[in-house]
Amino acid sequence: MRINYNYIKVGALLLLVVFLCAFSYERNSARKVSDPEIKFIGDDNLFVTHTTVSKLLIVNNASVANTPKEIIDLNLLEVALNSNEMIKNAQVFMNVDGLITAEIEQKKPIARISTNASYYIDDEGNYMPLSSNYTARVPLVTGFIEKNKLSAVYEVAMKVQSDAFLTRNVVEIHQNQNGTIDLKFRGHDFTIHLGRTNLMDKKINNLKAFYKKAMKDSMLDAYSLINLKFDKQVICTKK
């Protein structure tokens, strides 16, 4: 009987490939995870520290470092990170060498509530707690504030955050009991009555025109109230 050595070679090659794959899989599964790499996306202001993120990267009540790759659940790590109220979005990756990378995008505060409770409003209108690591330079929000009724304050804070003139000048957003809004400017003691948030762009343009002329005439500090609630005029009350 003639022996076909080609079949034997192919069979041996297949066995070798299976053995190498099994060996590689076993070795890779047993590989220990190194210390995670933490990357912050966007602003450098660290409301959340590297230490805080590391504490959230926990597997079986221990750090992920020196943990076998096969027991790491990246989805659970992402859930743990995203549960932090300072974090807007977190993604966790692992490469073939067992290096875990956590990419962290922090929430961005646009105003700070300063009433009987203190917290930030982020750029999506959501609650954001204060941080012991960093204090954001954003306008204070005072007055009659309810945590679940922040739409008017949020709309004004977003306008302040997106407008260079307002960002430079507005230090306080005050919500009156009837829901109307007042503004306070840095370095001045007058009150700017914005009123309701309707026609806000027109009102702000009126304010800019008035401010420019009053600055030129050295009259800004002669007023106690600048009323913008009418979109076609600015009504001022002298001290």
Protein backbone atom coordinates (compact mmCIF):
# COMPACT_ATOMS: atom_id res chain seq x y z
CA MET A 1 0.00 0.00 0.00
CA ARG A 2 1.33 3.35 -1.01
CA ILE A 3 1.54 5.96 1.72
CA ASN A 4 0.55 9.49 0.75
CA TYR A 5 2.98 11.63 2.68
CA ASN A 6 1.26 14.82 1.54
CA TYR A 7 -1.79 13.94 3.67
CA ILE A 8 0.45 13.22 6.62
CA LYS A 9 2.21 16.58 6.19
CA VAL A 10 -1.10 18.46 5.97
CA GLY A 11 -2.45 16.64 9.03
CA ALA A 12 0.70 17.36 11.02
CA LEU A 13 0.58 21.00 10.00
CA LEU A 14 -3.04 21.28 11.12
CA LEU A 15 -2.22 19.72 14.47
CA LEU A 16 0.66 22.15 14.89
CA VAL A 17 -1.58 25.14 14.10
CA VAL A 18 -4.23 23.94 16.59
CA PHE A 19 -1.56 23.42 19.26
CA LEU A 20 -0.05 26.87 18.72
CA CYS A 21 -3.48 28.55 18.79
CA ALA A 22 -4.42 26.75 22.01
CA PHE A 23 -1.07 27.60 23.56
CA SER A 24 -1.36 31.24 22.53
CA TYR A 25 -4.92 31.47 23.86
CA GLU A 26 -3.96 29.91 27.18
CA ARG A 27 -0.95 32.16 27.56
CA ASN A 28 -2.90 35.28 26.58
CA SER A 29 -5.75 34.46 28.98
CA ALA A 30 -3.32 34.07 31.85
CA ARG A 31 -1.63 37.38 31.07
CA LYS A 32 -2.00 39.86 33.93
CA VAL A 33 -3.38 43.36 33.35
CA SER A 34 -0.95 46.22 33.96
CA ASP A 35 -1.80 49.52 35.67
CA PRO A 36 -4.52 51.24 33.62
CA GLU A 37 -3.71 54.28 31.50
CA ILE A 38 -6.12 57.14 32.15
CA LYS A 39 -6.69 59.82 29.51
CA PHE A 40 -8.85 62.92 29.99
CA ILE A 41 -10.55 64.19 26.84
CA GLY A 42 -11.07 67.94 26.38
CA ASP A 43 -10.44 70.39 29.21
CA ASP A 44 -7.54 69.85 31.60
CA ASN A 45 -9.51 71.06 34.64
CA LEU A 46 -9.68 67.89 36.68
CA PHE A 47 -12.96 67.74 38.56
CA VAL A 48 -12.22 64.02 38.63
CA THR A 49 -8.67 62.97 39.50
CA HIS A 50 -6.65 60.03 38.27
CA THR A 51 -6.98 58.56 41.77
CA THR A 52 -10.77 58.72 41.63
CA VAL A 53 -10.85 57.01 38.24
CA SER A 54 -8.46 54.30 39.47
CA LYS A 55 -10.74 53.60 42.42
CA LEU A 56 -13.66 53.13 40.04
CA LEU A 57 -11.67 50.60 37.99
CA ILE A 58 -12.29 47.75 40.41
CA VAL A 59 -12.70 44.02 39.74
CA ASN A 60 -13.73 41.70 42.59
CA ASN A 61 -13.00 44.41 45.17
CA ALA A 62 -9.46 44.87 43.89
CA SER A 63 -7.68 47.03 41.35
CA VAL A 64 -7.62 45.74 37.78
CA ALA A 65 -3.82 45.79 37.91
CA ASN A 66 -2.36 42.26 38.08
CA THR A 67 -5.78 40.76 37.35
CA PRO A 68 -5.96 38.04 34.64
CA LYS A 69 -7.30 39.39 31.35
CA GLU A 70 -9.98 36.73 31.05
CA ILE A 71 -11.96 37.97 34.07
CA ILE A 72 -11.97 41.66 33.04
CA ASP A 73 -15.41 42.89 31.94
CA LEU A 74 -14.84 46.18 30.11
CA ASN A 75 -18.56 46.95 29.99
CA LEU A 76 -18.82 46.77 33.79
CA LEU A 77 -15.83 49.10 34.11
CA GLU A 78 -17.51 51.62 31.78
CA VAL A 79 -20.74 51.42 33.81
CA ALA A 80 -18.77 52.09 37.01
CA LEU A 81 -17.06 55.12 35.49
CA ASN A 82 -20.22 56.55 33.94
CA SER A 83 -21.99 56.29 37.30
CA ASN A 84 -19.77 59.10 38.59
CA GLU A 85 -21.73 62.38 38.45
CA MET A 86 -18.63 64.31 37.34
CA ILE A 87 -18.16 62.15 34.25
CA LYS A 88 -20.04 62.86 31.03
CA ASN A 89 -18.79 59.82 29.11
CA ALA A 90 -16.22 57.08 29.68
CA GLN A 91 -14.87 54.38 27.39
CA VAL A 92 -12.54 51.54 28.37
CA PHE A 93 -10.30 49.60 25.98
CA MET A 94 -7.83 46.73 26.37
CA ASN A 95 -5.06 45.83 23.91
CA VAL A 96 -3.56 42.39 23.32
CA ASP A 97 -0.83 43.02 25.88
CA GLY A 98 -3.33 43.60 28.66
CA LEU A 99 -3.01 47.37 28.80
CA ILE A 100 -6.30 48.97 29.82
CA THR A 101 -6.96 52.54 28.67
CA ALA A 102 -9.79 54.57 30.15
CA GLU A 103 -10.81 57.67 28.18
CA ILE A 104 -12.70 60.12 30.37
CA GLU A 105 -14.78 63.09 29.23
CA GLN A 106 -15.79 65.23 32.18
CA LYS A 107 -18.96 67.26 32.47
CA LYS A 108 -18.62 70.96 31.67
CA PRO A 109 -20.21 73.35 34.18
CA ILE A 110 -21.77 76.57 32.88
CA ALA A 111 -23.25 77.98 36.10
CA ARG A 112 -23.12 77.39 39.84
CA ILE A 113 -26.29 77.28 41.91
CA SER A 114 -25.75 79.17 45.18
CA THR A 115 -28.89 78.96 47.29
CA ASN A 116 -29.63 76.59 50.18
CA ALA A 117 -27.88 73.96 48.04
CA SER A 118 -24.71 74.36 45.98
CA TYR A 119 -24.07 72.53 42.72
CA TYR A 120 -23.28 73.15 39.06
CA ILE A 121 -25.46 73.03 35.97
CA ASP A 122 -23.58 71.38 33.10
CA ASP A 123 -23.78 72.25 29.41
CA GLU A 124 -26.61 69.76 28.91
CA GLY A 125 -28.72 71.25 31.70
CA ASN A 126 -28.00 68.42 34.11
CA TYR A 127 -27.01 68.38 37.77
CA MET A 128 -23.28 68.30 38.50
CA PRO A 129 -21.91 68.24 42.07
CA LEU A 130 -19.17 70.57 43.27
CA SER A 131 -15.64 69.22 43.24
CA SER A 132 -13.09 69.42 46.03
CA ASN A 133 -10.34 69.37 43.37
CA TYR A 134 -11.29 72.34 41.21
CA THR A 135 -13.66 75.31 41.24
CA ALA A 136 -15.00 76.48 37.88
CA ARG A 137 -15.16 80.20 37.12
CA VAL A 138 -18.79 80.38 36.04
CA PRO A 139 -21.66 82.74 36.95
CA LEU A 140 -23.43 82.24 40.27
CA VAL A 141 -27.15 81.49 40.14
CA THR A 142 -29.19 82.94 43.00
CA GLY A 143 -32.80 83.56 43.86
CA PHE A 144 -35.82 81.27 43.70
CA ILE A 145 -34.39 78.05 42.29
CA GLU A 146 -35.95 74.59 42.08
CA LYS A 147 -33.66 71.75 41.06
CA ASN A 148 -36.19 70.32 38.60
CA LYS A 149 -37.09 73.71 37.08
CA LEU A 150 -33.85 75.07 35.67
CA SER A 151 -34.84 75.67 32.05
CA ALA A 152 -34.77 79.49 32.18
CA VAL A 153 -31.52 79.62 34.15
CA TYR A 154 -29.97 77.03 31.82
CA GLU A 155 -31.00 79.01 28.71
CA VAL A 156 -29.45 82.21 30.09
CA ALA A 157 -26.30 80.42 31.29
CA MET A 158 -25.80 78.87 27.85
CA LYS A 159 -26.18 82.31 26.27
CA VAL A 160 -23.59 83.73 28.68
CA GLN A 161 -21.22 80.84 27.98
CA SER A 162 -21.47 81.26 24.19
CA ASP A 163 -21.18 85.08 24.07
CA ALA A 164 -17.77 86.67 24.68
CA PHE A 165 -19.26 89.96 25.92
CA LEU A 166 -21.48 88.21 28.47
CA THR A 167 -18.77 85.75 29.50
CA ARG A 168 -16.48 88.65 30.27
CA ASN A 169 -19.05 90.61 32.28
CA VAL A 170 -21.79 88.46 33.84
CA VAL A 171 -21.01 87.24 37.36
CA GLU A 172 -24.52 86.47 38.61
CA ILE A 173 -27.79 85.19 37.21
CA HIS A 174 -30.71 85.87 39.57
CA GLN A 175 -34.09 84.23 39.13
CA ASN A 176 -36.94 86.19 40.68
CA GLN A 177 -39.98 84.59 42.31
CA ASN A 178 -42.07 85.21 39.17
CA GLY A 179 -39.50 83.43 36.99
CA THR A 180 -37.96 86.53 35.42
CA ILE A 181 -34.19 86.90 35.22
CA ASP A 182 -31.80 89.61 36.44
CA LEU A 183 -28.09 89.84 35.68
CA LYS A 184 -25.20 91.35 37.60
CA PHE A 185 -22.05 92.62 35.88
CA ARG A 186 -18.52 92.40 37.20
CA GLY A 187 -17.32 95.69 38.67
CA HIS A 188 -20.73 97.41 38.60
CA ASP A 189 -23.57 97.64 41.13
CA PHE A 190 -26.52 98.11 38.76
CA THR A 191 -29.08 95.39 38.08
CA ILE A 192 -29.88 94.30 34.54
CA HIS A 193 -33.46 93.12 34.29
CA LEU A 194 -33.66 90.66 31.40
CA GLY A 195 -37.24 89.64 32.14
CA ARG A 196 -38.40 86.47 30.42
CA THR A 197 -36.04 84.59 28.13
CA ASN A 198 -38.09 85.26 24.99
CA LEU A 199 -36.41 87.46 22.35
CA MET A 200 -33.18 87.11 24.31
CA ASP A 201 -30.88 87.80 21.35
CA LYS A 202 -32.60 91.14 20.67
CA LYS A 203 -32.43 92.10 24.33
CA ILE A 204 -28.73 91.26 24.55
CA ASN A 205 -27.99 93.24 21.40
CA ASN A 206 -29.82 96.22 22.94
CA LEU A 207 -27.72 95.79 26.09
CA LYS A 208 -24.48 95.74 24.11
CA ALA A 209 -25.41 98.93 22.25
CA PHE A 210 -26.42 100.66 25.49
CA TYR A 211 -23.30 99.48 27.32
CA LYS A 212 -20.99 100.74 24.58
CA LYS A 213 -22.61 104.21 24.55
CA ALA A 214 -22.82 104.47 28.35
CA MET A 215 -19.16 103.48 28.68
CA LYS A 216 -18.22 106.16 26.15
CA ASP A 217 -20.25 108.77 28.07
CA SER A 218 -18.97 107.53 31.47
CA MET A 219 -22.58 107.02 32.55
CA LEU A 220 -22.69 103.32 33.46
CA ASP A 221 -22.38 103.80 37.20
CA ALA A 222 -25.08 106.49 37.21
CA TYR A 223 -27.79 103.83 36.90
CA SER A 224 -29.28 101.42 39.44
CA LEU A 225 -31.45 99.47 36.99
CA ILE A 226 -31.16 98.66 33.30
CA ASN A 227 -34.43 97.20 32.08
CA LEU A 228 -34.32 95.01 28.95
CA LYS A 229 -37.71 93.33 29.19
CA PHE A 230 -38.96 95.25 26.14
CA ASP A 231 -37.16 94.05 23.02
CA LYS A 232 -37.15 97.46 21.26
CA GLN A 233 -35.82 99.71 24.01
CA VAL A 234 -33.65 99.93 27.11
CA ILE A 235 -35.23 101.69 30.08
CA CYS A 236 -32.81 102.91 32.74
CA THR A 237 -33.35 104.09 36.31
CA LYS A 238 -30.82 106.53 37.72
CA LYS A 239 -29.52 106.24 41.26
